[in-house]
Amino acid sequence: MCITRAGIHYPNPKFVIWRNDMFVQIRKQFPFGIAKINSRLLKWSFEYTPEDNRRRDIPAILDAVFHVMERAFIVKDDCLIKNISFVELPANKESAGILIKAYE
């Protein structure tokens, strides 16, 4: 988030571009929609493959992913994502990304 001198919060333009791209990718993978998760407590597994060996801010990555999942109507509210397993795999430019699994 960025803040104007007047104290107004707005998303970073680079984040908006990334968020919109992720939304399009989710819709391509699930063209008929996804059953929205409303209140069930699930276990969430995140397998992250970075494209290079730079240091990453994992809580920021998860926050961005949660935001996209909420924006894509996968979850009603990202506060429903609680029981989390996060694994960072070795860097691989060809298969960089994040694999998300939700299970009971």
N, C-alpha and C. Protein backbone atom coordinates (compact mmCIF):
# COMPACT_ATOMS: atom_id res chain seq x y z
N MET A 1 0.84 -1.18 0.00
CA MET A 1 0.00 0.00 0.00
C MET A 1 0.88 1.24 0.00
N CYS A 2 0.40 2.24 -0.67
CA CYS A 2 1.05 3.54 -0.68
C CYS A 2 0.11 4.53 0.01
N ILE A 3 0.67 5.64 0.46
CA ILE A 3 -0.12 6.65 1.16
C ILE A 3 0.20 8.01 0.57
N THR A 4 -0.85 8.77 0.27
CA THR A 4 -0.65 10.13 -0.24
C THR A 4 -0.32 11.05 0.93
N ARG A 5 0.09 12.28 0.60
CA ARG A 5 0.38 13.26 1.66
C ARG A 5 -0.86 13.57 2.48
N ALA A 6 -2.03 13.37 1.88
CA ALA A 6 -3.29 13.63 2.58
C ALA A 6 -3.69 12.43 3.46
N GLY A 7 -2.89 11.35 3.44
CA GLY A 7 -3.19 10.19 4.27
C GLY A 7 -4.10 9.17 3.62
N ILE A 8 -4.35 9.30 2.33
CA ILE A 8 -5.22 8.36 1.62
C ILE A 8 -4.39 7.16 1.19
N HIS A 9 -4.89 5.95 1.51
CA HIS A 9 -4.21 4.71 1.14
C HIS A 9 -4.65 4.27 -0.25
N TYR A 10 -3.70 3.79 -1.04
CA TYR A 10 -4.01 3.24 -2.36
C TYR A 10 -2.99 2.16 -2.68
N PRO A 11 -3.37 1.17 -3.52
CA PRO A 11 -2.44 0.09 -3.83
C PRO A 11 -1.31 0.56 -4.75
N ASN A 12 -0.15 -0.02 -4.56
CA ASN A 12 0.99 0.26 -5.42
C ASN A 12 0.62 -0.13 -6.85
N PRO A 13 0.89 0.72 -7.85
CA PRO A 13 0.52 0.39 -9.24
C PRO A 13 1.10 -0.94 -9.73
N LYS A 14 2.32 -1.29 -9.31
CA LYS A 14 2.90 -2.58 -9.71
C LYS A 14 2.08 -3.73 -9.14
N PHE A 15 1.61 -3.57 -7.90
CA PHE A 15 0.79 -4.61 -7.28
C PHE A 15 -0.53 -4.76 -8.03
N VAL A 16 -1.14 -3.66 -8.45
CA VAL A 16 -2.41 -3.71 -9.17
C VAL A 16 -2.24 -4.51 -10.47
N ILE A 17 -1.14 -4.27 -11.19
CA ILE A 17 -0.88 -5.01 -12.43
C ILE A 17 -0.72 -6.50 -12.12
N TRP A 18 0.07 -6.83 -11.08
CA TRP A 18 0.27 -8.23 -10.70
C TRP A 18 -1.05 -8.87 -10.29
N ARG A 19 -1.81 -8.17 -9.44
CA ARG A 19 -3.08 -8.71 -8.94
C ARG A 19 -4.03 -9.00 -10.10
N ASN A 20 -4.14 -8.08 -11.04
CA ASN A 20 -5.04 -8.28 -12.18
C ASN A 20 -4.59 -9.44 -13.05
N ASP A 21 -3.26 -9.60 -13.22
CA ASP A 21 -2.73 -10.71 -13.99
C ASP A 21 -3.04 -12.04 -13.30
N MET A 22 -2.88 -12.08 -11.98
CA MET A 22 -3.18 -13.31 -11.23
C MET A 22 -4.67 -13.65 -11.32
N PHE A 23 -5.50 -12.64 -11.26
CA PHE A 23 -6.94 -12.85 -11.38
C PHE A 23 -7.27 -13.49 -12.73
N VAL A 24 -6.66 -13.00 -13.80
CA VAL A 24 -6.88 -13.56 -15.14
C VAL A 24 -6.39 -15.01 -15.19
N GLN A 25 -5.22 -15.27 -14.60
CA GLN A 25 -4.70 -16.65 -14.60
C GLN A 25 -5.62 -17.61 -13.85
N ILE A 26 -6.17 -17.16 -12.73
CA ILE A 26 -7.10 -18.01 -11.97
C ILE A 26 -8.35 -18.29 -12.80
N ARG A 27 -8.87 -17.27 -13.45
CA ARG A 27 -10.07 -17.45 -14.27
C ARG A 27 -9.80 -18.38 -15.46
N LYS A 28 -8.59 -18.37 -16.02
CA LYS A 28 -8.25 -19.29 -17.10
C LYS A 28 -8.21 -20.73 -16.60
N GLN A 29 -7.71 -20.93 -15.38
CA GLN A 29 -7.62 -22.27 -14.82
C GLN A 29 -8.98 -22.80 -14.40
N PHE A 30 -9.87 -21.89 -14.02
CA PHE A 30 -11.21 -22.27 -13.56
C PHE A 30 -12.26 -21.44 -14.29
N PRO A 31 -12.45 -21.71 -15.62
CA PRO A 31 -13.37 -20.88 -16.40
C PRO A 31 -14.83 -20.96 -15.96
N PHE A 32 -15.20 -22.03 -15.27
CA PHE A 32 -16.59 -22.18 -14.83
C PHE A 32 -16.78 -21.79 -13.38
N GLY A 33 -15.76 -21.21 -12.79
CA GLY A 33 -15.87 -20.73 -11.42
C GLY A 33 -15.36 -21.74 -10.41
N ILE A 34 -15.25 -21.27 -9.21
CA ILE A 34 -14.76 -22.05 -8.09
C ILE A 34 -15.80 -21.96 -6.99
N ALA A 35 -16.02 -23.07 -6.30
CA ALA A 35 -16.94 -23.03 -5.16
C ALA A 35 -16.33 -22.13 -4.09
N LYS A 36 -17.01 -21.07 -3.74
CA LYS A 36 -16.50 -20.13 -2.76
C LYS A 36 -16.44 -20.77 -1.38
N ILE A 37 -15.33 -20.56 -0.70
CA ILE A 37 -15.16 -21.08 0.64
C ILE A 37 -15.67 -20.02 1.61
N ASN A 38 -16.75 -20.33 2.31
CA ASN A 38 -17.39 -19.36 3.17
C ASN A 38 -16.96 -19.44 4.63
N SER A 39 -17.05 -20.61 5.21
CA SER A 39 -16.80 -20.66 6.65
C SER A 39 -16.06 -21.92 7.10
N ARG A 40 -15.84 -22.86 6.20
CA ARG A 40 -15.16 -24.09 6.62
C ARG A 40 -13.73 -23.79 7.02
N LEU A 41 -13.29 -24.44 8.06
CA LEU A 41 -11.89 -24.33 8.45
C LEU A 41 -11.11 -25.41 7.72
N LEU A 42 -10.29 -25.00 6.81
CA LEU A 42 -9.50 -25.93 6.01
C LEU A 42 -8.03 -25.82 6.36
N LYS A 43 -7.28 -26.83 5.93
CA LYS A 43 -5.83 -26.75 6.00
C LYS A 43 -5.35 -26.25 4.64
N TRP A 44 -4.45 -25.31 4.66
CA TRP A 44 -3.94 -24.71 3.43
C TRP A 44 -2.47 -25.04 3.28
N SER A 45 -2.07 -25.48 2.11
CA SER A 45 -0.68 -25.79 1.81
C SER A 45 -0.24 -24.89 0.65
N PHE A 46 0.88 -24.20 0.85
CA PHE A 46 1.44 -23.32 -0.17
C PHE A 46 2.84 -23.80 -0.50
N GLU A 47 3.07 -24.18 -1.76
CA GLU A 47 4.39 -24.59 -2.22
C GLU A 47 4.88 -23.53 -3.18
N TYR A 48 5.88 -22.77 -2.75
CA TYR A 48 6.37 -21.62 -3.50
C TYR A 48 7.69 -21.95 -4.18
N THR A 49 7.76 -21.72 -5.50
CA THR A 49 8.98 -21.89 -6.26
C THR A 49 9.40 -20.52 -6.79
N PRO A 50 10.45 -19.93 -6.22
CA PRO A 50 10.90 -18.63 -6.72
C PRO A 50 11.63 -18.78 -8.06
N GLU A 51 11.72 -17.70 -8.80
CA GLU A 51 12.41 -17.77 -10.09
C GLU A 51 13.91 -17.54 -9.94
N ASP A 52 14.34 -17.00 -8.79
CA ASP A 52 15.76 -16.78 -8.55
C ASP A 52 16.04 -16.92 -7.06
N ASN A 53 17.26 -16.65 -6.65
CA ASN A 53 17.66 -16.86 -5.26
C ASN A 53 17.63 -15.60 -4.41
N ARG A 54 16.91 -14.57 -4.84
CA ARG A 54 16.79 -13.37 -4.01
C ARG A 54 16.01 -13.68 -2.74
N ARG A 55 16.27 -12.89 -1.71
CA ARG A 55 15.53 -13.04 -0.45
C ARG A 55 14.10 -12.56 -0.67
N ARG A 56 13.13 -13.26 -0.09
CA ARG A 56 11.72 -12.92 -0.24
C ARG A 56 11.09 -12.66 1.12
N ASP A 57 10.11 -11.77 1.13
CA ASP A 57 9.33 -11.46 2.33
C ASP A 57 8.10 -12.37 2.30
N ILE A 58 8.21 -13.52 2.93
CA ILE A 58 7.16 -14.55 2.86
C ILE A 58 5.81 -14.04 3.38
N PRO A 59 5.74 -13.33 4.51
CA PRO A 59 4.43 -12.83 4.94
C PRO A 59 3.79 -11.90 3.89
N ALA A 60 4.60 -11.11 3.19
CA ALA A 60 4.05 -10.23 2.15
C ALA A 60 3.55 -11.04 0.97
N ILE A 61 4.26 -12.11 0.62
CA ILE A 61 3.80 -12.98 -0.47
C ILE A 61 2.46 -13.59 -0.11
N LEU A 62 2.35 -14.13 1.11
CA LEU A 62 1.09 -14.74 1.53
C LEU A 62 -0.03 -13.71 1.58
N ASP A 63 0.25 -12.52 2.05
CA ASP A 63 -0.77 -11.47 2.10
C ASP A 63 -1.27 -11.15 0.70
N ALA A 64 -0.36 -11.06 -0.26
CA ALA A 64 -0.76 -10.78 -1.64
C ALA A 64 -1.59 -11.92 -2.21
N VAL A 65 -1.18 -13.17 -1.93
CA VAL A 65 -1.94 -14.33 -2.42
C VAL A 65 -3.33 -14.35 -1.80
N PHE A 66 -3.41 -14.08 -0.50
CA PHE A 66 -4.72 -14.06 0.17
C PHE A 66 -5.61 -12.99 -0.45
N HIS A 67 -5.04 -11.84 -0.74
CA HIS A 67 -5.80 -10.75 -1.34
C HIS A 67 -6.36 -11.18 -2.71
N VAL A 68 -5.54 -11.83 -3.51
CA VAL A 68 -6.00 -12.29 -4.83
C VAL A 68 -7.09 -13.35 -4.68
N MET A 69 -6.93 -14.25 -3.72
CA MET A 69 -7.94 -15.29 -3.52
C MET A 69 -9.28 -14.67 -3.12
N GLU A 70 -9.23 -13.63 -2.33
CA GLU A 70 -10.47 -12.94 -1.94
C GLU A 70 -11.05 -12.19 -3.13
N ARG A 71 -10.20 -11.52 -3.89
CA ARG A 71 -10.64 -10.75 -5.06
C ARG A 71 -11.22 -11.66 -6.15
N ALA A 72 -10.69 -12.89 -6.24
CA ALA A 72 -11.16 -13.86 -7.24
C ALA A 72 -12.36 -14.65 -6.73
N PHE A 73 -12.86 -14.30 -5.56
CA PHE A 73 -14.04 -14.94 -4.97
C PHE A 73 -13.83 -16.41 -4.65
N ILE A 74 -12.59 -16.78 -4.33
CA ILE A 74 -12.31 -18.15 -3.90
C ILE A 74 -12.69 -18.28 -2.43
N VAL A 75 -12.33 -17.28 -1.65
CA VAL A 75 -12.73 -17.23 -0.25
C VAL A 75 -13.58 -15.99 -0.04
N LYS A 76 -14.54 -16.11 0.85
CA LYS A 76 -15.41 -14.96 1.15
C LYS A 76 -14.60 -13.86 1.83
N ASP A 77 -13.73 -14.27 2.74
CA ASP A 77 -12.90 -13.33 3.48
C ASP A 77 -11.57 -14.02 3.75
N ASP A 78 -10.47 -13.33 3.52
CA ASP A 78 -9.18 -14.00 3.70
C ASP A 78 -8.86 -14.32 5.16
N CYS A 79 -9.70 -13.88 6.09
CA CYS A 79 -9.51 -14.28 7.49
C CYS A 79 -9.84 -15.77 7.68
N LEU A 80 -10.46 -16.41 6.68
CA LEU A 80 -10.77 -17.83 6.75
C LEU A 80 -9.53 -18.70 6.52
N ILE A 81 -8.45 -18.11 6.04
CA ILE A 81 -7.23 -18.86 5.75
C ILE A 81 -6.38 -18.83 7.01
N LYS A 82 -6.40 -19.93 7.76
CA LYS A 82 -5.75 -19.93 9.07
C LYS A 82 -4.71 -21.03 9.24
N ASN A 83 -5.05 -22.26 8.96
CA ASN A 83 -4.16 -23.38 9.20
C ASN A 83 -3.25 -23.53 7.98
N ILE A 84 -2.02 -23.00 8.07
CA ILE A 84 -1.17 -22.82 6.90
C ILE A 84 0.13 -23.61 7.00
N SER A 85 0.49 -24.22 5.88
CA SER A 85 1.81 -24.83 5.70
C SER A 85 2.44 -24.14 4.50
N PHE A 86 3.64 -23.59 4.68
CA PHE A 86 4.33 -22.90 3.59
C PHE A 86 5.69 -23.53 3.39
N VAL A 87 5.96 -23.94 2.15
CA VAL A 87 7.25 -24.55 1.82
C VAL A 87 7.83 -23.78 0.64
N GLU A 88 9.08 -23.35 0.79
CA GLU A 88 9.77 -22.72 -0.33
C GLU A 88 10.67 -23.75 -0.97
N LEU A 89 10.43 -24.00 -2.25
CA LEU A 89 11.21 -24.98 -3.01
C LEU A 89 12.42 -24.29 -3.64
N PRO A 90 13.38 -25.05 -4.17
CA PRO A 90 14.54 -24.43 -4.81
C PRO A 90 14.12 -23.57 -6.01
N ALA A 91 14.91 -22.53 -6.26
CA ALA A 91 14.62 -21.62 -7.37
C ALA A 91 14.61 -22.36 -8.70
N ASN A 92 13.65 -21.99 -9.56
CA ASN A 92 13.53 -22.58 -10.88
C ASN A 92 12.78 -21.59 -11.76
N LYS A 93 13.49 -20.93 -12.65
CA LYS A 93 12.88 -19.88 -13.47
C LYS A 93 11.75 -20.42 -14.35
N GLU A 94 11.89 -21.64 -14.85
CA GLU A 94 10.89 -22.20 -15.76
C GLU A 94 9.59 -22.58 -15.06
N SER A 95 9.66 -22.96 -13.80
CA SER A 95 8.44 -23.39 -13.11
C SER A 95 8.17 -22.54 -11.86
N ALA A 96 8.53 -21.27 -11.91
CA ALA A 96 8.29 -20.38 -10.77
C ALA A 96 6.79 -20.18 -10.57
N GLY A 97 6.40 -20.05 -9.32
CA GLY A 97 4.99 -19.81 -9.01
C GLY A 97 4.64 -20.39 -7.64
N ILE A 98 3.37 -20.44 -7.38
CA ILE A 98 2.92 -20.98 -6.10
C ILE A 98 1.78 -21.96 -6.35
N LEU A 99 1.88 -23.11 -5.71
CA LEU A 99 0.84 -24.14 -5.79
C LEU A 99 0.07 -24.10 -4.48
N ILE A 100 -1.23 -23.94 -4.57
CA ILE A 100 -2.07 -23.80 -3.39
C ILE A 100 -3.00 -25.00 -3.30
N LYS A 101 -3.04 -25.62 -2.12
CA LYS A 101 -3.94 -26.74 -1.89
C LYS A 101 -4.74 -26.45 -0.62
N ALA A 102 -6.03 -26.72 -0.68
CA ALA A 102 -6.90 -26.57 0.50
C ALA A 102 -7.58 -27.92 0.72
N TYR A 103 -7.51 -28.41 1.94
CA TYR A 103 -8.13 -29.71 2.24
C TYR A 103 -8.61 -29.73 3.68
N GLU A 104 -9.55 -30.64 3.94
CA GLU A 104 -10.14 -30.74 5.27
C GLU A 104 -9.29 -31.57 6.18
